[in-house]
Protein backbone atom coordinates (compact mmCIF):
# COMPACT_ATOMS: atom_id res chain seq x y z
CA MET A 1 112.36 3.47 112.52
CA THR A 2 112.95 7.31 111.99
CA ALA A 3 115.81 8.74 113.34
CA PRO A 4 115.77 10.68 116.36
CA GLN A 5 115.21 14.65 115.61
CA GLU A 6 117.65 16.45 116.42
CA PRO A 7 116.89 19.55 119.57
CA ARG A 8 117.47 23.02 117.43
CA PRO A 9 117.86 25.83 119.36
CA GLY A 10 115.57 27.97 121.43
CA TRP A 11 113.08 25.22 121.10
CA ASP A 12 111.65 22.54 123.60
CA GLU A 13 108.74 20.50 122.75
CA SER A 14 106.76 20.11 125.60
CA GLY A 15 103.71 18.29 126.48
CA ALA A 16 101.80 22.06 125.88
CA LEU A 17 103.22 23.44 123.11
CA THR A 18 102.35 19.22 121.62
CA ALA A 19 98.89 19.17 121.73
CA LEU A 20 98.50 22.99 120.86
CA ARG A 21 100.21 21.20 116.91
CA ASP A 22 97.93 18.38 117.63
CA LEU A 23 94.97 20.35 118.35
CA VAL A 24 95.54 22.81 115.90
CA SER A 25 96.11 20.42 113.21
CA THR A 26 92.90 18.60 114.17
CA GLY A 27 90.86 22.15 113.93
CA ALA A 28 91.82 22.15 110.14
CA ARG A 29 90.73 19.30 109.93
CA VAL A 30 87.03 19.88 111.27
CA ASN A 31 86.10 22.50 109.23
CA HIS A 32 86.95 20.62 106.24
CA VAL A 33 84.70 18.06 107.37
CA VAL A 34 81.99 19.51 108.54
CA ALA A 35 81.44 22.02 105.25
CA ARG A 36 81.61 17.86 103.89
CA ARG A 37 78.40 16.95 105.96
CA ALA A 38 76.79 20.22 105.07
CA GLY A 39 77.14 19.82 101.32
CA ILE A 40 78.67 23.09 101.03
CA SER A 41 82.37 24.49 100.58
CA ASP A 42 85.19 25.01 103.21
CA THR A 43 84.98 28.82 102.57
CA GLU A 44 81.31 28.51 102.55
CA LEU A 45 81.49 27.00 105.45
CA VAL A 46 84.12 29.18 107.62
CA THR A 47 82.15 32.73 105.51
CA LEU A 48 79.09 31.12 108.35
CA GLU A 49 81.07 31.42 110.92
CA HIS A 50 81.64 34.83 110.76
CA LEU A 51 78.28 35.43 109.91
CA SER A 52 77.67 33.95 113.10
CA ARG A 53 79.61 37.07 115.11
CA GLU A 54 78.54 39.88 113.49
CA GLN A 55 76.18 41.06 110.24
CA ILE A 56 79.50 42.43 107.26
CA GLY A 57 79.04 42.73 103.99
CA PRO A 58 79.61 40.59 100.35
CA ALA A 59 83.37 42.71 100.05
CA GLU A 60 84.16 42.84 103.61
CA VAL A 61 83.25 38.75 102.86
CA ALA A 62 86.01 38.78 100.34
CA ARG A 63 88.91 40.17 102.65
CA ARG A 64 88.38 38.69 105.44
CA LEU A 65 88.66 35.03 103.19
CA GLU A 66 91.51 36.92 101.10
CA VAL A 67 89.13 36.43 97.79
CA SER A 68 88.07 38.33 94.90
CA THR A 69 85.57 40.50 95.28
CA ALA A 70 83.18 38.12 92.58
CA ALA A 71 85.08 34.99 94.41
CA ALA A 72 82.59 36.59 97.57
CA THR A 73 79.76 36.85 94.93
CA GLY A 74 79.80 33.01 94.15
CA ILE A 75 79.79 32.14 97.76
CA VAL A 76 77.32 35.13 99.22
CA ASP A 77 75.17 33.63 96.04
CA ARG A 78 75.56 30.30 96.76
CA LEU A 79 74.72 29.82 100.81
CA VAL A 80 71.47 32.94 99.59
CA SER A 81 70.34 29.76 97.83
CA ARG A 82 70.56 27.29 100.44
CA GLY A 83 68.09 30.08 101.95
CA HIS A 84 71.03 29.74 105.31
CA VAL A 85 72.46 33.75 104.28
CA GLU A 86 69.97 36.84 103.30
CA ARG A 87 71.41 40.28 101.95
CA ARG A 88 69.50 42.87 103.94
CA PRO A 89 70.39 47.39 102.46
CA HIS A 90 72.32 48.61 106.01
CA ALA A 91 71.02 50.05 108.24
CA ALA A 92 72.53 53.57 107.88
CA ASP A 93 73.26 53.51 104.39
CA ARG A 94 70.74 52.58 102.34
CA ARG A 95 73.57 51.45 98.86
CA ARG A 96 75.00 48.60 100.76
CA THR A 97 74.56 45.81 101.87
CA GLU A 98 74.67 43.29 104.80
CA LEU A 99 74.77 39.85 105.06
CA VAL A 100 72.36 38.24 107.40
CA LEU A 101 72.53 34.31 108.50
CA THR A 102 69.27 32.56 108.96
CA ASP A 103 68.00 30.11 111.26
CA SER A 104 68.86 27.73 108.90
CA GLY A 105 72.61 28.87 108.47
CA ARG A 106 72.76 29.52 112.23
CA ARG A 107 71.63 25.93 112.24
CA GLU A 108 74.02 23.96 109.96
CA VAL A 109 76.65 25.13 111.70
CA VAL A 110 75.56 24.07 115.85
CA SER A 111 73.73 20.99 114.41
CA HIS A 112 77.07 19.56 113.39
CA LEU A 113 78.70 21.17 116.09
CA LEU A 114 77.31 20.85 118.89
CA PRO A 115 78.74 17.65 120.26
CA MET A 116 82.23 18.99 120.19
CA PHE A 117 80.94 22.96 122.06
CA VAL A 118 79.55 20.54 124.95
CA SER A 119 82.39 18.36 125.28
CA LEU A 120 84.53 21.58 125.27
CA ASP A 121 82.01 22.73 128.05
CA ARG A 122 82.16 20.01 130.77
CA LEU A 123 85.84 20.29 129.77
CA ASP A 124 85.77 23.95 130.86
CA ARG A 125 83.23 23.28 133.45
CA GLY A 126 86.20 20.67 134.89
CA PHE A 127 89.13 23.42 135.48
CA THR A 128 88.56 26.00 138.96
CA ASP A 129 88.76 29.37 138.25
CA GLU A 130 93.22 29.65 138.44
CA GLU A 131 93.06 27.29 136.38
CA ARG A 132 90.40 28.63 133.49
CA ALA A 133 92.60 32.13 133.91
CA VAL A 134 96.23 30.63 133.44
CA VAL A 135 94.71 28.05 129.52
CA GLU A 136 93.69 31.56 128.78
CA ARG A 137 96.26 33.66 129.30
CA TYR A 138 98.20 30.66 127.11
CA LEU A 139 95.77 30.12 124.46
CA LYS A 140 95.57 33.72 124.17
CA GLY A 141 98.68 33.68 123.43
CA ALA A 142 99.04 31.43 120.73
CA VAL A 143 96.58 33.19 119.07
CA GLU A 144 99.05 36.39 119.10
CA ALA A 145 101.93 34.25 118.23
CA PHE A 146 99.98 32.27 114.98
CA GLU A 147 98.54 36.88 113.93
CA GLN A 148 103.00 36.99 113.76
CA VAL A 149 102.56 34.43 110.85
CA LEU A 150 99.72 36.32 109.31
CA GLU A 151 101.20 40.18 110.38
CA GLY A 152 104.51 38.48 108.37
């Protein structure tokens, strides 16, 4: 039997905080499981997710993943060899390279995550505009709290 936890000053483990902690924990596991199912590494999956939002170069991949440029080059090389990413000359600066997510790369991410996206969309549609605004405010505040740790 586990001893009851002592209350912490200034900390109230509300149902919302418990649910948020569970969401973060489950979300961290999702990336690992999806990467394993897709036959790629966790860092390769995160790179595909970044590229699904915007075109960035190898140096930016290194910065976002907090890895060396050599490690980022290896990640990109593996994604290129699988046909998930293409290297292209930067439109404005030909000395730079942009990474472009291919249809194959997009399918790799979406095919594993689509059931989750559908469920989340269904959940979202079940809220009123007012409820959705409260949820959005809470989640944006949670992101700000997480960013404090990242900046720390």
